[in-house]
Amino acid sequence: MFGKKLEEILMKKPNVIMINSDHQALHQWTFYENKPHRPYYEQFVREGAEFTHACCAAPLCGPSRRSLLTGLYPHAHKQYHNETNPPYADEVYLDSLAEAGYRNYFFGKWHAGPGTALDHHCEGLSPKEYGNPYVTKEYKDYLKKRNLPAAAHRIERVFFWADKSQQAYQKSSPDEIPRDGEIFKLQDPRHCCEAAYGITVTPKETLEFFFLSELACEKLEELSTDGNDTPFSLRVDFWGPHQPYFPTQEYYDLYKEVSYPPYASFNSVLEGKPEVYFTEKNVPIGKDNRIVIPNALAWEDYEEMLKCCAAQITMIDEAIGRILNKVKELGLEENTVIIWTADHGDGLACHGGHFDKGSYLSQEVLRVPLGIKWKGMIDAGLKIDAPVCTVDVPVTIMDAAGLKYKNSVHGESLIPICMGKKMPEYAVSETYGLGYGEYVKARAVTDGNYKLVVTLGQAYELYDLKADPYELKNRYDDPAYGAVQREMEEKLREWQRATGDEITFFDGSDLAECK
């Protein structure tokens, strides 16, 4: 009798699908007329709710991804950088779902500390650490089943070689970085550098976007016909659209003739910025780990990367669209919560012409897409401008499943916000730097109108986001913004008290080592 009652309870619990892209540029594109085509994301948020001021917990994979599992900020879960991998001591929502009777499936990038998703009651594909999907057995089986070649790129440009001093590298070196014009296979153990772009010369289905999408669709088909009524959780974590950018010709051609003028902060000399903005390890825009000002590359190089970036975003949108269409096709959307987000943003072309991301907390690296769809529970077409954070995502998943974390966490469920019951006043992101020799302690708090960034031992920042969305004019200690500064500082103090963040930012403390 108890078993039947439990079964009835579980039948009422919704399925949960989480889609997470990696390192997705968003903020830059809000200022360009020719934005990346994202028809499936746009349809998704028309059918659900979109959070237009969502930020990441931390602008770095490892810390952010562990926050997406635990509902905690890095200062609590202790994965400060990608290089730090402390054992899991905090509750992971995947384990809690399994304990409640959910069947968990995970496909894609883990990069959230030790182990893999398979160590947290999941089935699926989850390589250790950063992982390379192209060397997995599952990928090889996928190619064989579909009679596809292994994925390969034609490299148009590797910026590493734009610095003539790099020519000292010997062609025979096993760690040789590929050259312009080379056909590069993704199973190659070499690294083509993140500051690179080109064209994928194999069918789009050979790329991890569509590989993971297919694995997810196959699992959904299996779940819809297996006769098991217990709820499931399915999470797909793509490795893209993280650079290097290598779309297929089909997608590149969508943007080939588009003109992108220089991004507003591209030529910035970083006046009033903290030291973290001057750090740049990518060659040739960085020399001796310092950004070169003015930029060592022409805007045309960045414009080409933006085109490839846009194309890659459109590719992943289509791959995710296949999953969403499969959910509808199988009649699963009536009892399924779907969350679509990214782990962090992309600093491409911002603030002097950075690549990738850094230890700075600009809007470009912090803002992420975030949408939720729960048919019959969340009204379609909601646009929520209140500031929220990805640390809220796992708490939302637990809430949808009727669960709570056993211990106090930092995130808040987004479901009450979608119901109009409460709106957060501000959101916070944090960083401990990129690691690997680059360590800082910094926090950013925004209410959507203003943003305060405090980097211990360096210049503090205050921006009027409505008047200065590119963050070009630092208003910290500007008398005209004195009241705003005090208000934002108090918001940060309030958040620190609530989350147990013990760093003191306002007494002139020197930077302390944090590894």
Foldseek 3Di string as FASTA:
>chain_A
DVVVVLLVLLLQFFFEEEEAEAAAFDLLQVPDPDFFDQVLVVVQQLQFPWAQFAWFQALAPQQRLLLLFALAHCVVQVPFALVDADDGPGHGLLLVCVVSPAQEEEEEEASHHPDWCVVRRYDYDYDGHRDQPQPDPLLVVVCVVVVFDAKKWQWQDQQQVVPVVVVPDDPPDLQDADHHRDIGGSVRPHDNDQLTEGATPTDLCNDQLQSQLVRLLVVLVCVLPVPDSRHYYYYYYYHDPRGPFYYHPVLLVVCVPPDDPQRPQQQPPQPLHWPFLQAADRPPCDDPRGGDHQGPDDVVSLRSSVSSSSSSSNSSSVSVSSSVVSCVVSVSLQRYKYKYKYSWHFCASHRNGHGGDKQDDAPRTIDMIITMHRPPQFHRPHYHHFYFYSSQNSQQVQVSSVHHGPDDRQHHHCSCVSVVNDGDQKYKHWHQINDPPGGWTKMWIDRNQKIWIFIQQIRTFIDRCVVCVSRNDGCVVPVVCVVVVVVRVVVVVVSCVVNVPPDDRPPNDHTDDDD
